[in-house]
């Protein structure tokens, strides 16, 4: 697998390009840069055009025409952001694997044949013979003089002919060589074009095979490409980070949402005849706030729709969408980056929805999406499922709380060490607000129970913590057990942390309940937040377990 990071400074756009082959990644990077350059050029040209059209008016007729044209454009931009979801539904599927292949024919014209000059006809002696008179025939000296003149003229003409013929032959030779060279160069470019296409076709076929095999990078790369093909206004960021969990069929999407400045701000343009000038009429604050919320809900549903509709082989069983917004904190002036909406949906559940008839916000809420009542307030929320904050996820080597050697795998470490690790991690987390954590029960199967006491008067209280040192997917039964423990303990919340991942049914059960599910990647991120790093390698843990079982069986046979 290959990846490359690219950026466009003017657009402040960044993207991590992933692919199965190096050529695939390079081609995608070139294509993305071309898209970004085109978008930036359009933005620059659009602003120049707007300024010119607003300032240059010759007469009233031109002013009225400009006013009508600019008002029509403004209405079109407003209509576009108000119908983002419907536009996607009308378009339907917009790509096939075969469509991704570059089949553009080699369009360079063939080299014209050489234009050769025709050499002059060779002169003959008879052409220069002077007529002999009777005196020339009688007087030999006169005849000899005429013959000498004839030979001299012929020799001069033949010499000139020879020089001209040689020059033309040289020029024709150069022309033939030039044509041959151009033909060979064209053939080389044609071969290069064909080889490049074959390489790209091979990369696509390789990616397709990896996709069907549910290779995470291939799945992430394919759906990332699909999202870039979804047309949004140039002012929208259109950036997404994807992560695929092949064991659960869950696709996690961290999607960059536009902030309110990306919406069109001009409602119409009026012509003021008394000043022979154009005047922009801004959209109302009420419209901007109302539309902004609606646009974000539309983007969330549209993204879910476009991902599911392009998944003909049902590689995705569920999607977790987290919407992030970059904005400026008005209190500090610093740039903030917050998750303001999150939703996790199962394929069957989403496919039952008639998106052409829904109200976006109501649909989002019906699917148990999480967001503040007014998205315009940019209130941060905790994602339903978080992406791993480590690019390599479970395999990077890290130290664990200083006392644990970096070679020790959290997924296979001693159960007592794991018990204390979890206690220390959450003790650090809750101690920021004056809370404390106490271990209540542990078992040698790697589980651990603890209780945290959070003094926060609004969100705090008694919090039950359970952990599963697992190498396989955690099912819904563990989540049900935690929910029962929360009620039995009279707790306000339950936290389940595992070294592995959760199944879709586990997340589905946790929806709408005071439960937080932390996967192995989130545990690593939590450690990093408190200045420590850890390692989780599930494959390694499974191999160690099998080896221990083998040795135990061998020992029982040969004590």
Protein backbone atom coordinates (compact mmCIF):
# COMPACT_ATOMS: atom_id res chain seq x y z
CA UNK A 1 0.00 0.00 0.00
CA UNK A 2 1.16 3.52 -0.80
CA UNK A 3 0.15 6.97 0.36
CA UNK A 4 1.15 10.58 -0.22
CA UNK A 5 0.09 13.86 1.43
CA UNK A 6 -0.72 16.79 -0.83
CA UNK A 7 -1.88 20.33 -0.12
CA UNK A 8 -3.06 23.47 -1.88
CA UNK A 9 -1.95 26.54 0.13
CA UNK A 10 -4.37 28.99 -1.48
CA UNK A 11 -7.41 26.81 -0.82
CA UNK A 12 -5.98 25.65 2.52
CA UNK A 13 -6.84 22.15 1.36
CA UNK A 14 -5.07 18.99 2.49
CA UNK A 15 -5.53 15.37 1.55
CA UNK A 16 -3.92 12.00 2.23
CA UNK A 17 -3.98 10.00 -1.00
CA UNK A 18 -3.98 6.21 -0.59
CA UNK A 19 -3.68 3.49 -3.20
CA UNK A 20 -2.69 -0.09 -3.88
CA UNK A 21 0.14 0.84 -6.25
CA UNK A 22 2.57 3.74 -6.44
CA UNK A 23 1.33 4.65 -9.91
CA UNK A 24 -2.26 4.72 -8.65
CA UNK A 25 -1.33 7.12 -5.85
CA UNK A 26 0.68 9.40 -8.15
CA UNK A 27 -2.13 9.58 -10.72
CA UNK A 28 -4.69 10.37 -8.02
CA UNK A 29 -2.44 13.05 -6.56
CA UNK A 30 -2.01 14.66 -9.98
CA UNK A 31 -5.76 14.52 -10.61
CA UNK A 32 -6.56 16.04 -7.22
CA UNK A 33 -4.06 18.86 -7.71
CA UNK A 34 -5.61 19.56 -11.12
CA UNK A 35 -9.07 19.74 -9.51
CA UNK A 36 -7.80 22.08 -6.81
CA UNK A 37 -6.03 24.32 -9.35
CA UNK A 38 -9.20 24.53 -11.44
CA UNK A 39 -11.26 25.38 -8.36
CA UNK A 40 -8.83 28.11 -7.33
CA UNK A 41 -8.78 29.54 -10.85
CA UNK A 42 -12.58 29.58 -10.92
CA UNK A 43 -12.72 31.39 -7.59
CA UNK A 44 -10.18 34.01 -8.67
CA UNK A 45 -11.84 34.56 -12.05
CA UNK A 46 -15.31 34.68 -10.52
CA UNK A 47 -14.25 37.41 -8.09
CA UNK A 48 -12.58 39.42 -10.85
CA UNK A 49 -15.64 39.09 -13.04
CA UNK A 50 -17.94 40.13 -10.20
CA UNK A 51 -15.85 43.23 -9.45
CA UNK A 52 -15.70 44.20 -13.13
CA UNK A 53 -19.41 43.72 -13.66
CA UNK A 54 -20.23 45.71 -10.54
CA UNK A 55 -18.04 48.67 -11.48
CA UNK A 56 -18.24 49.09 -15.26
CA UNK A 57 -21.57 50.41 -16.46
CA UNK A 58 -21.97 52.44 -19.63
CA UNK A 59 -25.70 53.16 -19.53
CA UNK A 60 -28.99 52.18 -17.92
CA UNK A 61 -29.67 49.32 -20.32
CA UNK A 62 -26.36 47.73 -19.48
CA UNK A 63 -26.99 48.33 -15.75
CA UNK A 64 -30.39 46.61 -15.88
CA UNK A 65 -28.92 43.71 -17.86
CA UNK A 66 -26.05 43.30 -15.42
CA UNK A 67 -28.46 43.48 -12.49
CA UNK A 68 -30.66 40.75 -13.97
CA UNK A 69 -27.68 38.53 -14.80
CA UNK A 70 -26.06 38.86 -11.37
CA UNK A 71 -29.39 38.33 -9.59
CA UNK A 72 -29.96 35.16 -11.61
CA UNK A 73 -26.52 33.89 -10.63
CA UNK A 74 -27.18 34.69 -6.97
CA UNK A 75 -30.51 32.85 -7.06
CA UNK A 76 -28.81 29.88 -8.72
CA UNK A 77 -26.17 29.69 -5.99
CA UNK A 78 -28.83 29.88 -3.29
CA UNK A 79 -30.91 27.17 -4.97
CA UNK A 80 -27.85 24.96 -5.25
CA UNK A 81 -27.06 24.96 -1.53
CA UNK A 82 -30.72 24.49 -0.66
CA UNK A 83 -31.00 21.34 -2.80
CA UNK A 84 -27.72 19.50 -2.13
CA UNK A 85 -29.46 16.27 -1.16
CA UNK A 86 -32.00 16.25 -4.00
CA UNK A 87 -29.28 16.94 -6.55
CA UNK A 88 -27.42 13.84 -5.41
CA UNK A 89 -30.57 11.71 -5.55
CA UNK A 90 -31.32 12.82 -9.10
CA UNK A 91 -27.79 12.08 -10.28
CA UNK A 92 -27.72 8.61 -8.76
CA UNK A 93 -24.64 6.49 -9.27
CA UNK A 94 -21.95 8.43 -11.04
CA UNK A 95 -19.07 6.00 -11.39
CA UNK A 96 -18.17 2.43 -12.25
CA UNK A 97 -14.82 0.71 -11.87
CA UNK A 98 -14.53 0.56 -15.64
CA UNK A 99 -15.27 4.27 -15.91
CA UNK A 100 -12.23 5.02 -13.80
CA UNK A 101 -9.97 3.68 -16.51
CA UNK A 102 -8.41 6.24 -18.82
CA UNK A 103 -9.35 5.18 -22.34
CA UNK A 104 -8.65 8.47 -24.06
CA UNK A 105 -7.27 7.71 -27.55
CA UNK A 106 -3.90 9.07 -28.54
CA UNK A 107 -4.99 12.24 -30.31
CA UNK A 108 -1.72 13.57 -31.67
CA UNK A 109 -1.96 13.76 -35.50
CA UNK A 110 0.34 11.64 -37.62
CA UNK A 111 3.47 13.26 -38.99
CA UNK A 112 3.00 14.60 -42.51
CA UNK A 113 5.14 12.91 -45.18
CA UNK A 114 8.31 14.76 -46.19
CA UNK A 115 7.93 17.45 -48.83
CA UNK A 116 10.80 16.82 -51.24
CA UNK A 117 12.09 19.28 -53.76
CA UNK A 118 12.45 18.13 -57.36
CA UNK A 119 15.98 18.62 -58.69
CA UNK A 120 16.40 20.48 -62.03
CA UNK A 121 16.89 18.53 -65.25
CA UNK A 122 20.47 17.88 -66.07
CA UNK A 123 21.62 20.17 -68.97
CA UNK A 124 22.75 18.55 -72.24
CA UNK A 125 25.59 19.81 -74.51
CA UNK A 126 23.24 20.15 -77.49
CA UNK A 127 21.26 22.81 -75.61
CA UNK A 128 24.26 25.17 -75.75
CA UNK A 129 25.46 24.48 -79.31
CA UNK A 130 25.83 27.66 -81.39
CA UNK A 131 24.63 27.46 -85.00
CA UNK A 132 27.44 27.27 -87.57
CA UNK A 133 27.40 29.55 -90.58
CA UNK A 134 28.93 28.75 -93.93
CA UNK A 135 31.96 30.81 -92.97
CA UNK A 136 32.33 28.78 -89.75
CA UNK A 137 32.36 25.64 -91.77
CA UNK A 138 34.95 27.07 -94.23
CA UNK A 139 37.17 28.79 -91.65
CA UNK A 140 38.26 26.30 -88.94
CA UNK A 141 39.28 29.00 -86.45
CA UNK A 142 35.79 30.47 -86.40
CA UNK A 143 34.30 27.03 -85.89
CA UNK A 144 36.72 26.32 -83.06
CA UNK A 145 35.77 29.54 -81.26
CA UNK A 146 32.07 28.70 -81.39
CA UNK A 147 32.69 25.19 -80.15
CA UNK A 148 34.76 26.60 -77.27
CA UNK A 149 31.95 28.99 -76.30
CA UNK A 150 29.49 26.09 -76.45
CA UNK A 151 31.62 23.92 -74.18
CA UNK A 152 32.21 26.79 -71.76
CA UNK A 153 28.47 27.58 -71.45
CA UNK A 154 27.65 23.91 -71.02
CA UNK A 155 30.32 23.41 -68.37
CA UNK A 156 29.09 26.45 -66.38
CA UNK A 157 25.45 25.30 -66.62
CA UNK A 158 26.34 21.74 -65.67
CA UNK A 159 28.40 22.95 -62.70
CA UNK A 160 25.49 25.07 -61.49
CA UNK A 161 23.12 22.17 -62.00
CA UNK A 162 25.40 19.88 -60.04
CA UNK A 163 25.64 22.35 -57.13
CA UNK A 164 21.86 22.91 -57.09
CA UNK A 165 21.19 19.18 -57.30
CA UNK A 166 23.56 18.50 -54.44
CA UNK A 167 21.90 21.20 -52.30
CA UNK A 168 18.44 19.84 -53.04
CA UNK A 169 19.61 16.30 -52.29
CA UNK A 170 21.00 17.46 -48.94
CA UNK A 171 17.78 19.33 -48.11
CA UNK A 172 15.66 16.33 -49.10
CA UNK A 173 17.84 14.06 -46.98
CA UNK A 174 17.41 16.38 -43.99
CA UNK A 175 13.67 16.54 -44.58
CA UNK A 176 13.45 12.76 -44.70
CA UNK A 177 15.53 12.48 -41.53
CA UNK A 178 13.40 15.15 -39.80
CA UNK A 179 10.20 13.36 -40.73
CA UNK A 180 11.64 10.05 -39.57
CA UNK A 181 12.72 11.63 -36.27
CA UNK A 182 9.30 13.22 -35.69
CA UNK A 183 7.60 9.94 -36.56
CA UNK A 184 9.78 8.04 -34.10
CA UNK A 185 9.15 10.66 -31.41
CA UNK A 186 5.42 10.46 -32.01
CA UNK A 187 5.58 6.66 -31.85
CA UNK A 188 7.46 6.91 -28.56
CA UNK A 189 4.83 9.28 -27.14
CA UNK A 190 2.06 7.01 -28.40
CA UNK A 191 3.71 4.04 -26.69
CA UNK A 192 4.18 6.09 -23.52
CA UNK A 193 0.48 7.02 -23.65
CA UNK A 194 -0.50 3.38 -24.10
CA UNK A 195 1.90 2.19 -21.38
CA UNK A 196 0.57 4.83 -18.98
CA UNK A 197 -2.99 3.71 -19.65
CA UNK A 198 -2.07 0.05 -19.18
CA UNK A 199 -0.34 0.95 -15.92
CA UNK A 200 -3.40 2.87 -14.78
CA UNK A 201 -5.74 0.04 -15.82
CA UNK A 202 -3.57 -2.43 -13.92
CA UNK A 203 -3.63 -0.16 -10.86
CA UNK A 204 -7.43 0.04 -11.03
CA UNK A 205 -7.81 -3.72 -11.44
CA UNK A 206 -5.42 -4.27 -8.55
CA UNK A 207 -7.38 -1.79 -6.45
CA UNK A 208 -10.64 -3.48 -7.44
CA UNK A 209 -9.37 -6.90 -6.39
CA UNK A 210 -8.12 -5.49 -3.11
CA UNK A 211 -11.48 -3.73 -2.65
CA UNK A 212 -13.43 -6.94 -3.16
CA UNK A 213 -11.06 -8.63 -0.71
CA UNK A 214 -12.02 -5.88 1.79
CA UNK A 215 -8.47 -4.62 2.14
CA UNK A 216 -8.89 -1.51 4.33
CA UNK A 217 -6.62 0.78 2.32
CA UNK A 218 -8.29 -0.20 -0.96
CA UNK A 219 -11.78 0.33 0.47
CA UNK A 220 -10.78 3.68 1.98
CA UNK A 221 -9.15 4.77 -1.28
CA UNK A 222 -12.16 3.84 -3.42
CA UNK A 223 -14.76 5.61 -1.32
CA UNK A 224 -12.48 8.60 -0.83
CA UNK A 225 -12.32 8.89 -4.62
CA UNK A 226 -16.11 8.62 -4.81
CA UNK A 227 -16.55 11.51 -2.40
CA UNK A 228 -14.20 13.72 -4.42
CA UNK A 229 -16.45 13.18 -7.45
CA UNK A 230 -19.43 14.58 -5.57
CA UNK A 231 -19.84 18.13 -6.83
CA UNK A 232 -20.24 20.85 -4.20
CA UNK A 233 -19.82 24.64 -4.44
CA UNK A 234 -16.18 25.68 -4.76
CA UNK A 235 -16.32 27.35 -1.33
CA UNK A 236 -16.99 24.00 0.40
CA UNK A 237 -13.90 22.14 1.70
CA UNK A 238 -14.82 18.66 0.36
CA UNK A 239 -12.24 16.91 2.54
CA UNK A 240 -12.76 13.58 4.25
CA UNK A 241 -10.69 11.06 6.13
CA UNK A 242 -11.89 7.48 5.94
CA UNK A 243 -11.11 4.37 7.94
CA UNK A 244 -12.49 0.91 7.21
CA UNK A 245 -12.86 -1.88 9.75
CA UNK A 246 -12.91 -5.06 7.70
CA UNK A 247 -13.91 -7.29 10.61
CA UNK A 248 -17.13 -5.35 11.24
CA UNK A 249 -17.70 -3.84 7.79
CA UNK A 250 -17.84 -0.38 9.35
CA UNK A 251 -16.66 2.65 7.42
CA UNK A 252 -15.70 5.60 9.62
CA UNK A 253 -15.80 9.03 7.98
CA UNK A 254 -14.42 12.25 9.41
CA UNK A 255 -15.90 14.84 7.06
CA UNK A 256 -14.92 18.49 6.86
CA UNK A 257 -18.07 20.59 6.81
CA UNK A 258 -18.20 24.17 5.51
CA UNK A 259 -18.50 26.98 8.00
CA UNK A 260 -21.15 29.63 7.48
CA UNK A 261 -18.83 31.84 5.40
CA UNK A 262 -19.01 29.23 2.62
CA UNK A 263 -22.71 29.97 1.99
CA UNK A 264 -23.74 32.49 -0.66
CA UNK A 265 -24.20 35.87 0.99
CA UNK A 266 -25.86 37.81 -1.86
CA UNK A 267 -29.60 37.49 -2.34
CA UNK A 268 -29.89 39.71 -5.42
CA UNK A 269 -28.28 42.66 -7.19
CA UNK A 270 -30.29 45.84 -7.83
CA UNK A 271 -29.64 48.57 -10.36
CA UNK A 272 -29.78 52.09 -8.89
CA UNK A 273 -30.63 54.33 -11.84
CA UNK A 274 -30.01 57.61 -10.01
CA UNK A 275 -26.37 56.61 -9.44
CA UNK A 276 -26.00 54.35 -12.46
CA UNK A 277 -24.60 51.73 -10.11
CA UNK A 278 -25.28 48.19 -8.93
CA UNK A 279 -26.06 47.41 -5.32
CA UNK A 280 -25.81 43.96 -3.72
CA UNK A 281 -28.65 42.92 -1.43
CA UNK A 282 -27.26 40.58 1.25
CA UNK A 283 -29.05 37.47 2.40
CA UNK A 284 -30.64 37.89 5.81
CA UNK A 285 -28.98 36.57 8.94
CA UNK A 286 -32.08 34.49 9.64
CA UNK A 287 -31.80 32.82 6.22
CA UNK A 288 -28.08 32.17 6.67
CA UNK A 289 -28.54 30.54 10.09
CA UNK A 290 -31.53 28.48 9.01
CA UNK A 291 -29.91 27.40 5.76
CA UNK A 292 -26.57 26.59 7.40
CA UNK A 293 -28.16 24.04 9.72
CA UNK A 294 -30.14 22.52 6.85
CA UNK A 295 -27.06 22.35 4.59
CA UNK A 296 -25.06 20.40 7.17
CA UNK A 297 -27.86 17.88 7.68
CA UNK A 298 -28.15 17.53 3.90
CA UNK A 299 -24.39 16.92 3.58
CA UNK A 300 -24.50 14.21 6.25
CA UNK A 301 -27.37 12.35 4.58
CA UNK A 302 -25.96 12.92 1.09
CA UNK A 303 -22.58 11.49 2.11
CA UNK A 304 -24.21 8.39 3.62
CA UNK A 305 -26.32 7.97 0.48
CA UNK A 306 -23.40 8.33 -1.92
CA UNK A 307 -21.25 5.87 0.00
CA UNK A 308 -23.96 3.21 0.23
CA UNK A 309 -25.11 3.62 -3.38
CA UNK A 310 -21.60 2.99 -4.72
CA UNK A 311 -21.18 -0.15 -2.64
CA UNK A 312 -22.75 -2.76 -4.90
CA UNK A 313 -20.95 -5.66 -3.22
CA UNK A 314 -22.03 -4.63 0.30
CA UNK A 315 -18.50 -4.15 1.58
CA UNK A 316 -19.95 -1.58 3.98
CA UNK A 317 -22.37 -2.84 6.61
CA UNK A 318 -22.54 0.41 8.54
CA UNK A 319 -21.20 3.96 8.33
CA UNK A 320 -20.16 6.29 11.13
CA UNK A 321 -20.17 9.90 9.93
CA UNK A 322 -18.51 12.62 11.99
CA UNK A 323 -18.90 16.20 10.75
CA UNK A 324 -16.07 18.60 11.64
CA UNK A 325 -15.93 22.36 11.19
CA UNK A 326 -12.99 24.75 11.19
CA UNK A 327 -13.87 28.20 12.49
CA UNK A 328 -12.50 31.15 14.40
CA UNK A 329 -13.28 31.36 18.10
CA UNK A 330 -14.71 34.87 18.50
CA UNK A 331 -13.59 34.98 22.10
CA UNK A 332 -9.92 34.15 21.49
CA UNK A 333 -9.42 34.69 17.77
CA UNK A 334 -7.84 31.23 17.53
CA UNK A 335 -8.81 28.67 14.91
CA UNK A 336 -10.89 25.80 16.27
CA UNK A 337 -11.64 22.39 14.82
CA UNK A 338 -14.64 20.70 16.38
CA UNK A 339 -16.89 17.74 15.69
CA UNK A 340 -20.43 19.12 15.75
CA UNK A 341 -22.49 16.21 14.40
CA UNK A 342 -22.14 12.44 14.47
CA UNK A 343 -24.25 9.53 13.29
CA UNK A 344 -23.87 5.76 12.95
CA UNK A 345 -26.26 3.92 10.62
CA UNK A 346 -26.69 0.34 9.45
CA UNK A 347 -27.13 -0.41 5.73
CA UNK A 348 -30.64 -1.95 6.00
CA UNK A 349 -31.83 0.88 8.23
CA UNK A 350 -30.66 3.57 5.82
CA UNK A 351 -31.92 1.83 2.68
CA UNK A 352 -35.47 1.90 4.01
CA UNK A 353 -35.49 5.70 4.06
CA UNK A 354 -37.12 7.68 1.23
CA UNK A 355 -34.57 10.46 1.05
CA UNK A 356 -36.55 12.31 -1.61
CA UNK A 357 -39.35 12.91 0.89
CA UNK A 358 -37.55 13.49 4.19
CA UNK A 359 -36.82 16.66 6.12
CA UNK A 360 -33.03 16.39 6.64
CA UNK A 361 -32.89 17.35 10.32
CA UNK A 362 -35.82 15.12 11.28
CA UNK A 363 -34.29 12.21 9.36
CA UNK A 364 -30.93 12.73 11.08
CA UNK A 365 -32.63 12.71 14.48
CA UNK A 366 -34.71 9.63 13.58
CA UNK A 367 -31.48 7.78 12.82
CA UNK A 368 -30.30 8.76 16.33
CA UNK A 369 -27.70 11.17 15.07
CA UNK A 370 -26.03 13.33 17.69
CA UNK A 371 -25.83 17.13 17.31
CA UNK A 372 -26.72 20.27 19.21
CA UNK A 373 -30.13 21.82 18.62
CA UNK A 374 -28.53 24.62 16.56
CA UNK A 375 -25.53 23.60 14.47
CA UNK A 376 -24.77 27.26 13.79
CA UNK A 377 -23.52 27.47 17.38
CA UNK A 378 -20.76 24.94 16.53
CA UNK A 379 -21.15 23.17 19.85
CA UNK A 380 -18.57 20.38 20.09
CA UNK A 381 -19.87 16.84 20.64
CA UNK A 382 -18.19 13.49 21.13
CA UNK A 383 -18.32 11.33 17.97
CA UNK A 384 -20.41 8.18 18.19
CA UNK A 385 -17.38 6.31 16.82
CA UNK A 386 -14.00 7.99 16.49
CA UNK A 387 -11.36 7.40 13.87
CA UNK A 388 -8.02 6.17 15.05
CA UNK A 389 -5.78 9.19 15.57
CA UNK A 390 -2.79 7.07 14.62
CA UNK A 391 -2.27 6.53 10.89
CA UNK A 392 -0.94 2.99 11.35
CA UNK A 393 -3.50 2.25 14.03
CA UNK A 394 -2.88 -0.96 15.97
CA UNK A 395 0.70 -1.76 15.01
CA UNK A 396 2.89 1.24 15.85
CA UNK A 397 5.21 0.56 18.85
CA UNK A 398 4.69 2.88 21.81
CA UNK A 399 5.74 2.97 25.49
CA UNK A 400 2.90 2.49 28.01
CA UNK A 401 2.88 4.73 31.08
CA UNK A 402 6.63 4.47 31.46
CA UNK A 403 6.48 1.28 33.56
CA UNK A 404 5.46 -0.91 30.65
CA UNK A 405 8.13 -1.88 28.15
CA UNK A 406 7.31 -0.79 24.58
CA UNK A 407 7.70 -4.37 23.40
CA UNK A 408 4.71 -5.45 25.50
CA UNK A 409 1.48 -5.66 23.53
CA UNK A 410 -1.57 -4.27 25.39
CA UNK A 411 -3.71 -6.97 23.79
CA UNK A 412 -1.61 -9.73 25.33
CA UNK A 413 -0.09 -8.13 28.42
CA UNK A 414 -0.51 -9.59 31.90
CA UNK A 415 -4.10 -9.19 33.14
CA UNK A 416 -3.03 -7.45 36.34
CA UNK A 417 -0.84 -5.00 34.44
CA UNK A 418 -3.78 -4.31 32.14
CA UNK A 419 -6.06 -3.73 35.15
CA UNK A 420 -3.72 -1.11 36.57
CA UNK A 421 -3.17 0.43 33.16
CA UNK A 422 -6.90 1.08 32.72
CA UNK A 423 -7.16 2.47 36.23
CA UNK A 424 -4.24 4.84 35.67
CA UNK A 425 -5.54 6.03 32.31
CA UNK A 426 -8.96 6.95 33.63
CA UNK A 427 -7.52 8.32 36.83
CA UNK A 428 -5.56 10.79 34.71
CA UNK A 429 -8.66 11.57 32.67
CA UNK A 430 -10.98 12.26 35.63
CA UNK A 431 -8.40 13.87 37.89
CA UNK A 432 -8.46 16.95 35.64
CA UNK A 433 -11.83 17.80 37.18
CA UNK A 434 -11.02 16.57 40.66
CA UNK A 435 -12.43 13.10 40.16
CA UNK A 436 -11.06 9.76 41.31
CA UNK A 437 -11.09 6.18 40.04
CA UNK A 438 -11.19 3.01 42.10
CA UNK A 439 -10.83 -0.57 40.92
CA UNK A 440 -13.73 -2.66 42.12
CA UNK A 441 -13.24 -6.04 40.52
CA UNK A 442 -10.83 -7.83 38.20
CA UNK A 443 -10.62 -11.26 36.67
CA UNK A 444 -7.83 -13.20 35.02
CA UNK A 445 -9.62 -13.23 31.66
CA UNK A 446 -8.44 -9.65 31.15
CA UNK A 447 -11.63 -7.94 32.23
CA UNK A 448 -11.59 -5.11 34.73
CA UNK A 449 -14.28 -3.21 36.56
CA UNK A 450 -13.76 0.21 38.06
CA UNK A 451 -15.86 3.09 39.27
CA UNK A 452 -15.07 6.73 38.56
CA UNK A 453 -16.51 9.55 40.60
CA UNK A 454 -16.79 12.75 38.60
CA UNK A 455 -17.60 15.85 40.74
CA UNK A 456 -18.99 17.84 37.79
CA UNK A 457 -22.47 18.94 38.99
CA UNK A 458 -24.03 18.64 35.55
CA UNK A 459 -22.31 15.85 33.66
CA UNK A 460 -20.63 14.03 36.55
CA UNK A 461 -21.64 11.38 39.05
CA UNK A 462 -20.84 7.71 39.40
CA UNK A 463 -19.43 6.17 36.24
CA UNK A 464 -18.94 2.44 35.76
CA UNK A 465 -15.90 1.41 33.72
CA UNK A 466 -15.43 -2.03 32.21
CA UNK A 467 -12.62 -3.20 29.98
CA UNK A 468 -12.17 -6.17 27.68
CA UNK A 469 -8.65 -7.24 26.78
CA UNK A 470 -9.92 -8.89 23.60
CA UNK A 471 -8.42 -9.78 20.24
CA UNK A 472 -11.81 -10.36 18.57
CA UNK A 473 -14.76 -8.08 17.90
CA UNK A 474 -16.75 -7.21 21.02
CA UNK A 475 -20.37 -8.20 20.55
CA UNK A 476 -23.61 -6.74 21.83
CA UNK A 477 -23.73 -9.02 24.90
CA UNK A 478 -20.86 -7.16 26.56
CA UNK A 479 -22.65 -3.84 25.99
CA UNK A 480 -25.86 -5.27 27.47
CA UNK A 481 -23.91 -6.44 30.51
CA UNK A 482 -22.47 -2.97 30.97
CA UNK A 483 -25.92 -1.39 30.66
CA UNK A 484 -27.23 -3.73 33.37
CA UNK A 485 -24.29 -2.88 35.61
CA UNK A 486 -24.98 0.84 35.19
CA UNK A 487 -28.55 0.34 36.45
CA UNK A 488 -27.53 -2.03 39.25
CA UNK A 489 -24.86 0.38 40.51
CA UNK A 490 -27.12 3.41 40.21
CA UNK A 491 -24.50 4.99 37.96
CA UNK A 492 -25.06 7.90 35.60
CA UNK A 493 -22.96 6.45 32.79
CA UNK A 494 -21.04 3.38 31.66
CA UNK A 495 -17.77 3.16 29.74
CA UNK A 496 -16.62 0.04 27.92
CA UNK A 497 -13.05 -0.03 26.64
CA UNK A 498 -11.47 -2.81 24.59
CA UNK A 499 -8.20 -3.51 22.86
CA UNK A 500 -10.18 -4.63 19.80
CA UNK A 501 -13.22 -3.18 17.98
CA UNK A 502 -17.01 -3.35 18.35
CA UNK A 503 -19.57 -4.91 16.10
CA UNK A 504 -22.36 -2.89 14.48
CA UNK A 505 -24.92 -4.49 16.83
CA UNK A 506 -22.93 -3.20 19.83
CA UNK A 507 -23.03 0.38 18.55
CA UNK A 508 -26.70 -0.01 17.64
CA UNK A 509 -27.59 -1.11 21.19
CA UNK A 510 -25.61 1.77 22.71
CA UNK A 511 -27.50 4.39 20.70
CA UNK A 512 -29.51 6.73 22.90
CA UNK A 513 -28.16 5.16 26.11
CA UNK A 514 -25.68 6.62 28.65
CA UNK A 515 -22.95 4.35 27.30
CA UNK A 516 -19.57 5.16 25.74
CA UNK A 517 -17.72 2.55 23.68
CA UNK A 518 -13.97 3.02 23.34
CA UNK A 519 -12.13 0.85 20.81
CA UNK A 520 -8.46 -0.04 20.89
CA UNK A 521 -7.53 2.89 18.69
CA UNK A 522 -9.36 5.26 21.04
CA UNK A 523 -7.57 3.76 24.02
CA UNK A 524 -4.25 4.51 22.31
CA UNK A 525 -5.43 8.04 21.60
CA UNK A 526 -6.47 8.49 25.25
CA UNK A 527 -3.02 7.37 26.36
CA UNK A 528 -1.41 9.83 23.95
CA UNK A 529 -3.60 12.66 25.28
CA UNK A 530 -2.00 12.13 28.67
CA UNK A 531 1.56 12.01 27.38
CA UNK A 532 1.94 8.27 26.95
CA UNK A 533 1.97 5.93 24.02
CA UNK A 534 1.00 2.32 23.65
CA UNK A 535 0.94 -0.57 21.19
CA UNK A 536 -1.95 -2.81 20.23
CA UNK A 537 -1.27 -5.60 17.76
CA UNK A 538 -4.21 -8.00 17.64
CA UNK A 539 -2.57 -10.39 15.19
CA UNK A 540 0.49 -10.72 17.39
CA UNK A 541 -1.69 -11.34 20.46
CA UNK A 542 -3.61 -14.10 18.68
CA UNK A 543 -0.37 -15.80 17.65
CA UNK A 544 0.98 -15.61 21.22
CA UNK A 545 -2.25 -17.11 22.56
CA UNK A 546 -2.14 -19.99 20.06
CA UNK A 547 1.49 -20.64 20.93
CA UNK A 548 0.72 -20.69 24.66
CA UNK A 549 -2.16 -23.11 24.02
CA UNK A 550 0.12 -25.32 21.94
CA UNK A 551 2.78 -25.36 24.63
CA UNK A 552 0.19 -26.11 27.31
CA UNK A 553 -1.19 -28.99 25.28
CA UNK A 554 2.33 -30.33 24.67
CA UNK A 555 3.12 -30.05 28.38
CA UNK A 556 -0.01 -31.99 29.29
CA UNK A 557 1.08 -34.78 26.96
CA UNK A 558 4.73 -34.72 28.02
CA UNK A 559 4.79 -33.40 31.63
